[in-house]
Amino acid sequence: MTKVEIYTKAYCPFCVRAKQVLTSKGVTFKEYPIDQQPELRDLMIERANGRYTVPQIFIDDLHIGGCDDMLALDAQGRLDELLAA
């Protein structure tokens, strides 16, 4: 089963959108709310190669980026391939 992780903040419209897309595809994901668990922020930045904005999305430990990056993958038809791997 594909492991999907997403680092989020509560009032982030891009986080909401990313979660909506994943949910619409029937994907179960692990959410890390860094506004409620600030100790996870440094780990997110490290895993995301220095990127500090949310959301940061990982599929099977592969960093795919933020919401716009994920939507671009979806538009190219590559997101479903990653999720099905």
PDB file of N, CA and C in Angstrom:
ATOM      1  N   MET A   1       0.843  -1.193   0.000  1.00  0.00           N
ATOM      2  CA  MET A   1       0.000   0.000   0.000  1.00  0.00           C
ATOM      3  C   MET A   1       0.880   1.246   0.000  1.00  0.00           C
ATOM      4  N   THR A   2       0.493   2.232  -0.758  1.00  0.00           N
ATOM      5  CA  THR A   2       1.252   3.472  -0.879  1.00  0.00           C
ATOM      6  C   THR A   2       1.123   4.291   0.399  1.00  0.00           C
ATOM      7  N   LYS A   3       2.258   4.808   0.869  1.00  0.00           N
ATOM      8  CA  LYS A   3       2.259   5.641   2.073  1.00  0.00           C
ATOM      9  C   LYS A   3       2.287   7.106   1.641  1.00  0.00           C
ATOM     10  N   VAL A   4       1.264   7.855   2.039  1.00  0.00           N
ATOM     11  CA  VAL A   4       1.188   9.276   1.709  1.00  0.00           C
ATOM     12  C   VAL A   4       1.211  10.067   3.002  1.00  0.00           C
ATOM     13  N   GLU A   5       2.111  11.057   3.060  1.00  0.00           N
ATOM     14  CA  GLU A   5       2.232  11.927   4.234  1.00  0.00           C
ATOM     15  C   GLU A   5       2.113  13.372   3.780  1.00  0.00           C
ATOM     16  N   ILE A   6       1.449  14.190   4.610  1.00  0.00           N
ATOM     17  CA  ILE A   6       1.283  15.596   4.282  1.00  0.00           C
ATOM     18  C   ILE A   6       1.446  16.443   5.543  1.00  0.00           C
ATOM     19  N   TYR A   7       2.337  17.407   5.456  1.00  0.00           N
ATOM     20  CA  TYR A   7       2.555  18.365   6.548  1.00  0.00           C
ATOM     21  C   TYR A   7       1.658  19.558   6.281  1.00  0.00           C
ATOM     22  N   THR A   8       0.890  19.960   7.302  1.00  0.00           N
ATOM     23  CA  THR A   8      -0.138  20.991   7.099  1.00  0.00           C
ATOM     24  C   THR A   8      -0.169  22.005   8.238  1.00  0.00           C
ATOM     25  N   LYS A   9      -0.954  23.069   8.010  1.00  0.00           N
ATOM     26  CA  LYS A   9      -1.384  24.003   9.053  1.00  0.00           C
ATOM     27  C   LYS A   9      -2.891  24.158   8.899  1.00  0.00           C
ATOM     28  N   ALA A  10      -3.560  24.454   9.995  1.00  0.00           N
ATOM     29  CA  ALA A  10      -5.024  24.460  10.022  1.00  0.00           C
ATOM     30  C   ALA A  10      -5.641  25.470   9.051  1.00  0.00           C
ATOM     31  N   TYR A  11      -5.109  26.675   8.976  1.00  0.00           N
ATOM     32  CA  TYR A  11      -5.761  27.724   8.184  1.00  0.00           C
ATOM     33  C   TYR A  11      -5.064  27.953   6.848  1.00  0.00           C
ATOM     34  N   CYS A  12      -4.601  26.884   6.248  1.00  0.00           N
ATOM     35  CA  CYS A  12      -3.864  26.951   4.984  1.00  0.00           C
ATOM     36  C   CYS A  12      -4.764  26.456   3.849  1.00  0.00           C
ATOM     37  N   PRO A  13      -5.196  27.353   2.949  1.00  0.00           N
ATOM     38  CA  PRO A  13      -6.088  26.917   1.865  1.00  0.00           C
ATOM     39  C   PRO A  13      -5.432  25.908   0.921  1.00  0.00           C
ATOM     40  N   PHE A  14      -4.115  25.984   0.756  1.00  0.00           N
ATOM     41  CA  PHE A  14      -3.426  25.017  -0.105  1.00  0.00           C
ATOM     42  C   PHE A  14      -3.428  23.627   0.535  1.00  0.00           C
ATOM     43  N   CYS A  15      -3.336  23.590   1.860  1.00  0.00           N
ATOM     44  CA  CYS A  15      -3.400  22.309   2.580  1.00  0.00           C
ATOM     45  C   CYS A  15      -4.781  21.685   2.407  1.00  0.00           C
ATOM     46  N   VAL A  16      -5.806  22.511   2.550  1.00  0.00           N
ATOM     47  CA  VAL A  16      -7.180  22.030   2.394  1.00  0.00           C
ATOM     48  C   VAL A  16      -7.367  21.466   0.993  1.00  0.00           C
ATOM     49  N   ARG A  17      -6.880  22.178  -0.009  1.00  0.00           N
ATOM     50  CA  ARG A  17      -7.028  21.742  -1.398  1.00  0.00           C
ATOM     51  C   ARG A  17      -6.286  20.427  -1.647  1.00  0.00           C
ATOM     52  N   ALA A  18      -5.064  20.337  -1.145  1.00  0.00           N
ATOM     53  CA  ALA A  18      -4.276  19.116  -1.337  1.00  0.00           C
ATOM     54  C   ALA A  18      -4.981  17.917  -0.705  1.00  0.00           C
ATOM     55  N   LYS A  19      -5.514  18.111   0.502  1.00  0.00           N
ATOM     56  CA  LYS A  19      -6.222  17.013   1.173  1.00  0.00           C
ATOM     57  C   LYS A  19      -7.497  16.638   0.418  1.00  0.00           C
ATOM     58  N   GLN A  20      -8.176  17.637  -0.158  1.00  0.00           N
ATOM     59  CA  GLN A  20      -9.391  17.356  -0.939  1.00  0.00           C
ATOM     60  C   GLN A  20      -9.063  16.491  -2.154  1.00  0.00           C
ATOM     61  N   VAL A  21      -7.961  16.831  -2.838  1.00  0.00           N
ATOM     62  CA  VAL A  21      -7.570  16.057  -4.023  1.00  0.00           C
ATOM     63  C   VAL A  21      -7.260  14.618  -3.631  1.00  0.00           C
ATOM     64  N   LEU A  22      -6.459  14.448  -2.571  1.00  0.00           N
ATOM     65  CA  LEU A  22      -6.107  13.100  -2.133  1.00  0.00           C
ATOM     66  C   LEU A  22      -7.344  12.312  -1.719  1.00  0.00           C
ATOM     67  N   THR A  23      -8.232  12.959  -0.967  1.00  0.00           N
ATOM     68  CA  THR A  23      -9.454  12.297  -0.509  1.00  0.00           C
ATOM     69  C   THR A  23     -10.335  11.911  -1.697  1.00  0.00           C
ATOM     70  N   SER A  24     -10.427  12.801  -2.704  1.00  0.00           N
ATOM     71  CA  SER A  24     -11.264  12.517  -3.874  1.00  0.00           C
ATOM     72  C   SER A  24     -10.738  11.317  -4.658  1.00  0.00           C
ATOM     73  N   LYS A  25      -9.444  11.037  -4.517  1.00  0.00           N
ATOM     74  CA  LYS A  25      -8.837   9.885  -5.184  1.00  0.00           C
ATOM     75  C   LYS A  25      -8.890   8.634  -4.306  1.00  0.00           C
ATOM     76  N   GLY A  26      -9.509   8.758  -3.132  1.00  0.00           N
ATOM     77  CA  GLY A  26      -9.632   7.606  -2.248  1.00  0.00           C
ATOM     78  C   GLY A  26      -8.346   7.267  -1.522  1.00  0.00           C
ATOM     79  N   VAL A  27      -7.459   8.248  -1.402  1.00  0.00           N
ATOM     80  CA  VAL A  27      -6.151   8.018  -0.788  1.00  0.00           C
ATOM     81  C   VAL A  27      -6.222   8.264   0.716  1.00  0.00           C
ATOM     82  N   THR A  28      -5.706   7.317   1.473  1.00  0.00           N
ATOM     83  CA  THR A  28      -5.550   7.495   2.911  1.00  0.00           C
ATOM     84  C   THR A  28      -4.176   8.119   3.135  1.00  0.00           C
ATOM     85  N   PHE A  29      -4.118   9.149   3.960  1.00  0.00           N
ATOM     86  CA  PHE A  29      -2.845   9.823   4.196  1.00  0.00           C
ATOM     87  C   PHE A  29      -2.653  10.115   5.673  1.00  0.00           C
ATOM     88  N   LYS A  30      -1.395  10.247   6.057  1.00  0.00           N
ATOM     89  CA  LYS A  30      -1.031  10.620   7.423  1.00  0.00           C
ATOM     90  C   LYS A  30      -0.762  12.119   7.416  1.00  0.00           C
ATOM     91  N   GLU A  31      -1.499  12.835   8.241  1.00  0.00           N
ATOM     92  CA  GLU A  31      -1.356  14.290   8.308  1.00  0.00           C
ATOM     93  C   GLU A  31      -0.534  14.680   9.529  1.00  0.00           C
ATOM     94  N   TYR A  32       0.418  15.595   9.307  1.00  0.00           N
ATOM     95  CA  TYR A  32       1.232  16.128  10.388  1.00  0.00           C
ATOM     96  C   TYR A  32       0.943  17.622  10.504  1.00  0.00           C
ATOM     97  N   PRO A  33       0.105  18.024  11.471  1.00  0.00           N
ATOM     98  CA  PRO A  33      -0.237  19.440  11.630  1.00  0.00           C
ATOM     99  C   PRO A  33       0.868  20.189  12.394  1.00  0.00           C
ATOM    100  N   ILE A  34       1.749  20.872  11.644  1.00  0.00           N
ATOM    101  CA  ILE A  34       2.907  21.488  12.299  1.00  0.00           C
ATOM    102  C   ILE A  34       2.544  22.710  13.123  1.00  0.00           C
ATOM    103  N   ASP A  35       1.329  23.242  12.964  1.00  0.00           N
ATOM    104  CA  ASP A  35       0.914  24.329  13.859  1.00  0.00           C
ATOM    105  C   ASP A  35       0.545  23.778  15.241  1.00  0.00           C
ATOM    106  N   GLN A  36       0.091  22.531  15.290  1.00  0.00           N
ATOM    107  CA  GLN A  36      -0.235  21.890  16.572  1.00  0.00           C
ATOM    108  C   GLN A  36       0.943  21.089  17.131  1.00  0.00           C
ATOM    109  N   GLN A  37       1.849  20.678  16.245  1.00  0.00           N
ATOM    110  CA  GLN A  37       3.027  19.915  16.650  1.00  0.00           C
ATOM    111  C   GLN A  37       4.273  20.587  16.066  1.00  0.00           C
ATOM    112  N   PRO A  38       4.650  21.761  16.604  1.00  0.00           N
ATOM    113  CA  PRO A  38       5.753  22.532  16.020  1.00  0.00           C
ATOM    114  C   PRO A  38       7.090  21.790  16.023  1.00  0.00           C
ATOM    115  N   GLU A  39       7.211  20.773  16.860  1.00  0.00           N
ATOM    116  CA  GLU A  39       8.465  20.007  16.885  1.00  0.00           C
ATOM    117  C   GLU A  39       8.682  19.248  15.572  1.00  0.00           C
ATOM    118  N   LEU A  40       7.629  19.082  14.769  1.00  0.00           N
ATOM    119  CA  LEU A  40       7.744  18.380  13.488  1.00  0.00           C
ATOM    120  C   LEU A  40       8.213  19.293  12.356  1.00  0.00           C
ATOM    121  N   ARG A  41       8.219  20.601  12.589  1.00  0.00           N
ATOM    122  CA  ARG A  41       8.556  21.553  11.527  1.00  0.00           C
ATOM    123  C   ARG A  41       9.986  21.349  11.012  1.00  0.00           C
ATOM    124  N   ASP A  42      10.951  21.196  11.926  1.00  0.00           N
ATOM    125  CA  ASP A  42      12.342  21.015  11.500  1.00  0.00           C
ATOM    126  C   ASP A  42      12.510  19.736  10.681  1.00  0.00           C
ATOM    127  N   LEU A  43      11.818  18.674  11.081  1.00  0.00           N
ATOM    128  CA  LEU A  43      11.873  17.417  10.331  1.00  0.00           C
ATOM    129  C   LEU A  43      11.296  17.605   8.928  1.00  0.00           C
ATOM    130  N   MET A  44      10.178  18.335   8.848  1.00  0.00           N
ATOM    131  CA  MET A  44       9.566  18.609   7.541  1.00  0.00           C
ATOM    132  C   MET A  44      10.549  19.358   6.645  1.00  0.00           C
ATOM    133  N   ILE A  45      11.174  20.396   7.173  1.00  0.00           N
ATOM    134  CA  ILE A  45      12.117  21.203   6.392  1.00  0.00           C
ATOM    135  C   ILE A  45      13.286  20.345   5.914  1.00  0.00           C
ATOM    136  N   GLU A  46      13.770  19.487   6.796  1.00  0.00           N
ATOM    137  CA  GLU A  46      14.879  18.597   6.436  1.00  0.00           C
ATOM    138  C   GLU A  46      14.451  17.629   5.321  1.00  0.00           C
ATOM    139  N   ARG A  47      13.297  17.015   5.498  1.00  0.00           N
ATOM    140  CA  ARG A  47      12.806  16.050   4.500  1.00  0.00           C
ATOM    141  C   ARG A  47      12.480  16.717   3.171  1.00  0.00           C
ATOM    142  N   ALA A  48      12.060  17.999   3.233  1.00  0.00           N
ATOM    143  CA  ALA A  48      11.637  18.725   2.034  1.00  0.00           C
ATOM    144  C   ALA A  48      12.780  19.531   1.421  1.00  0.00           C
ATOM    145  N   ASN A  49      14.019  19.172   1.750  1.00  0.00           N
ATOM    146  CA  ASN A  49      15.197  19.825   1.175  1.00  0.00           C
ATOM    147  C   ASN A  49      15.185  21.339   1.353  1.00  0.00           C
ATOM    148  N   GLY A  50      14.803  21.777   2.558  1.00  0.00           N
ATOM    149  CA  GLY A  50      14.852  23.196   2.883  1.00  0.00           C
ATOM    150  C   GLY A  50      13.558  23.957   2.642  1.00  0.00           C
ATOM    151  N   ARG A  51      12.588  23.324   2.033  1.00  0.00           N
ATOM    152  CA  ARG A  51      11.310  24.020   1.819  1.00  0.00           C
ATOM    153  C   ARG A  51      10.565  24.082   3.143  1.00  0.00           C
ATOM    154  N   TYR A  52      10.015  25.250   3.443  1.00  0.00           N
ATOM    155  CA  TYR A  52       9.392  25.452   4.756  1.00  0.00           C
ATOM    156  C   TYR A  52       7.918  25.846   4.668  1.00  0.00           C
ATOM    157  N   THR A  53       7.368  25.933   3.464  1.00  0.00           N
ATOM    158  CA  THR A  53       5.953  26.261   3.327  1.00  0.00           C
ATOM    159  C   THR A  53       5.130  24.979   3.424  1.00  0.00           C
ATOM    160  N   VAL A  54       3.868  25.133   3.747  1.00  0.00           N
ATOM    161  CA  VAL A  54       2.963  23.988   3.784  1.00  0.00           C
ATOM    162  C   VAL A  54       1.941  24.135   2.666  1.00  0.00           C
ATOM    163  N   PRO A  55       1.412  23.032   2.177  1.00  0.00           N
ATOM    164  CA  PRO A  55       1.744  21.672   2.572  1.00  0.00           C
ATOM    165  C   PRO A  55       3.048  21.196   1.932  1.00  0.00           C
ATOM    166  N   GLN A  56       3.642  20.191   2.550  1.00  0.00           N
ATOM    167  CA  GLN A  56       4.722  19.423   1.933  1.00  0.00           C
ATOM    168  C   GLN A  56       4.214  17.991   1.876  1.00  0.00           C
ATOM    169  N   ILE A  57       4.280  17.412   0.691  1.00  0.00           N
ATOM    170  CA  ILE A  57       3.642  16.124   0.445  1.00  0.00           C
ATOM    171  C   ILE A  57       4.696  15.080   0.063  1.00  0.00           C
ATOM    172  N   PHE A  58       4.559  13.901   0.655  1.00  0.00           N
ATOM    173  CA  PHE A  58       5.478  12.787   0.395  1.00  0.00           C
ATOM    174  C   PHE A  58       4.658  11.562   0.011  1.00  0.00           C
ATOM    175  N   ILE A  59       5.096  10.874  -1.040  1.00  0.00           N
ATOM    176  CA  ILE A  59       4.474   9.610  -1.445  1.00  0.00           C
ATOM    177  C   ILE A  59       5.567   8.558  -1.378  1.00  0.00           C
ATOM    178  N   ASP A  60       5.379   7.582  -0.491  1.00  0.00           N
ATOM    179  CA  ASP A  60       6.400   6.550  -0.257  1.00  0.00           C
ATOM    180  C   ASP A  60       7.780   7.170  -0.029  1.00  0.00           C
ATOM    181  N   ASP A  61       7.825   8.179   0.836  1.00  0.00           N
ATOM    182  CA  ASP A  61       9.049   8.885   1.219  1.00  0.00           C
ATOM    183  C   ASP A  61       9.665   9.725   0.092  1.00  0.00           C
ATOM    184  N   LEU A  62       9.023   9.775  -1.073  1.00  0.00           N
ATOM    185  CA  LEU A  62       9.472  10.647  -2.158  1.00  0.00           C
ATOM    186  C   LEU A  62       8.803  12.002  -1.978  1.00  0.00           C
ATOM    187  N   HIS A  63       9.616  13.046  -1.889  1.00  0.00           N
ATOM    188  CA  HIS A  63       9.081  14.400  -1.728  1.00  0.00           C
ATOM    189  C   HIS A  63       8.551  14.882  -3.070  1.00  0.00           C
ATOM    190  N   ILE A  64       7.246  15.148  -3.140  1.00  0.00           N
ATOM    191  CA  ILE A  64       6.701  15.653  -4.400  1.00  0.00           C
ATOM    192  C   ILE A  64       6.441  17.142  -4.355  1.00  0.00           C
ATOM    193  N   GLY A  65       6.585  17.775  -3.180  1.00  0.00           N
ATOM    194  CA  GLY A  65       6.442  19.222  -3.089  1.00  0.00           C
ATOM    195  C   GLY A  65       5.156  19.636  -2.427  1.00  0.00           C
ATOM    196  N   GLY A  66       4.669  20.805  -2.844  1.00  0.00           N
ATOM    197  CA  GLY A  66       3.466  21.370  -2.257  1.00  0.00           C
ATOM    198  C   GLY A  66       2.230  21.087  -3.093  1.00  0.00           C
ATOM    199  N   CYS A  67       1.175  21.837  -2.808  1.00  0.00           N
ATOM    200  CA  CYS A  67      -0.106  21.629  -3.484  1.00  0.00           C
ATOM    201  C   CYS A  67       0.020  21.852  -4.990  1.00  0.00           C
ATOM    202  N   ASP A  68       0.643  22.958  -5.407  1.00  0.00           N
ATOM    203  CA  ASP A  68       0.776  23.247  -6.835  1.00  0.00           C
ATOM    204  C   ASP A  68       1.576  22.163  -7.544  1.00  0.00           C
ATOM    205  N   ASP A  69       2.616  21.668  -6.881  1.00  0.00           N
ATOM    206  CA  ASP A  69       3.426  20.594  -7.460  1.00  0.00           C
ATOM    207  C   ASP A  69       2.573  19.336  -7.658  1.00  0.00           C
ATOM    208  N   MET A  70       1.758  19.014  -6.648  1.00  0.00           N
ATOM    209  CA  MET A  70       0.910  17.832  -6.739  1.00  0.00           C
ATOM    210  C   MET A  70      -0.136  17.999  -7.837  1.00  0.00           C
ATOM    211  N   LEU A  71      -0.719  19.194  -7.949  1.00  0.00           N
ATOM    212  CA  LEU A  71      -1.718  19.435  -8.989  1.00  0.00           C
ATOM    213  C   LEU A  71      -1.088  19.350 -10.383  1.00  0.00           C
ATOM    214  N   ALA A  72       0.163  19.795 -10.506  1.00  0.00           N
ATOM    215  CA  ALA A  72       0.874  19.695 -11.785  1.00  0.00           C
ATOM    216  C   ALA A  72       1.102  18.229 -12.154  1.00  0.00           C
ATOM    217  N   LEU A  73       1.505  17.421 -11.158  1.00  0.00           N
ATOM    218  CA  LEU A  73       1.673  15.982 -11.398  1.00  0.00           C
ATOM    219  C   LEU A  73       0.352  15.357 -11.836  1.00  0.00           C
ATOM    220  N   ASP A  74      -0.736  15.790 -11.202  1.00  0.00           N
ATOM    221  CA  ASP A  74      -2.053  15.249 -11.527  1.00  0.00           C
ATOM    222  C   ASP A  74      -2.429  15.624 -12.959  1.00  0.00           C
ATOM    223  N   ALA A  75      -2.164  16.859 -13.350  1.00  0.00           N
ATOM    224  CA  ALA A  75      -2.479  17.324 -14.706  1.00  0.00           C
ATOM    225  C   ALA A  75      -1.684  16.551 -15.757  1.00  0.00           C
ATOM    226  N   GLN A  76      -0.481  16.125 -15.394  1.00  0.00           N
ATOM    227  CA  GLN A  76       0.366  15.351 -16.307  1.00  0.00           C
ATOM    228  C   GLN A  76       0.009  13.863 -16.288  1.00  0.00           C
ATOM    229  N   GLY A  77      -0.905  13.473 -15.410  1.00  0.00           N
ATOM    230  CA  GLY A  77      -1.288  12.067 -15.293  1.00  0.00           C
ATOM    231  C   GLY A  77      -0.285  11.242 -14.499  1.00  0.00           C
ATOM    232  N   ARG A  78       0.654  11.884 -13.835  1.00  0.00           N
ATOM    233  CA  ARG A  78       1.704  11.153 -13.114  1.00  0.00           C
ATOM    234  C   ARG A  78       1.356  10.900 -11.651  1.00  0.00           C
ATOM    235  N   LEU A  79       0.424  11.676 -11.096  1.00  0.00           N
ATOM    236  CA  LEU A  79       0.079  11.503  -9.683  1.00  0.00           C
ATOM    237  C   LEU A  79      -0.543  10.128  -9.444  1.00  0.00           C
ATOM    238  N   ASP A  80      -1.476   9.731 -10.299  1.00  0.00           N
ATOM    239  CA  ASP A  80      -2.112   8.426 -10.117  1.00  0.00           C
ATOM    240  C   ASP A  80      -1.095   7.296 -10.190  1.00  0.00           C
ATOM    241  N   GLU A  81      -0.089   7.442 -11.066  1.00  0.00           N
ATOM    242  CA  GLU A  81       0.969   6.423 -11.171  1.00  0.00           C
ATOM    243  C   GLU A  81       1.724   6.301  -9.845  1.00  0.00           C
ATOM    244  N   LEU A  82       2.069   7.451  -9.262  1.00  0.00           N
ATOM    245  CA  LEU A  82       2.794   7.434  -7.977  1.00  0.00           C
ATOM    246  C   LEU A  82       1.943   6.831  -6.869  1.00  0.00           C
ATOM    247  N   LEU A  83       0.662   7.166  -6.877  1.00  0.00           N
ATOM    248  CA  LEU A  83      -0.234   6.675  -5.827  1.00  0.00           C
ATOM    249  C   LEU A  83      -0.503   5.172  -5.976  1.00  0.00           C
ATOM    250  N   ALA A  84      -0.391   4.661  -7.202  1.00  0.00           N
ATOM    251  CA  ALA A  84      -0.686   3.248  -7.459  1.00  0.00           C
ATOM    252  C   ALA A  84       0.530   2.365  -7.286  1.00  0.00           C
ATOM    253  N   ALA A  85       1.705   2.993  -7.168  1.00  0.00           N
ATOM    254  CA  ALA A  85       2.962   2.209  -7.123  1.00  0.00           C
ATOM    255  C   ALA A  85       2.989   1.257  -5.940  1.00  0.00           C
TER     256      ALA A  85
END
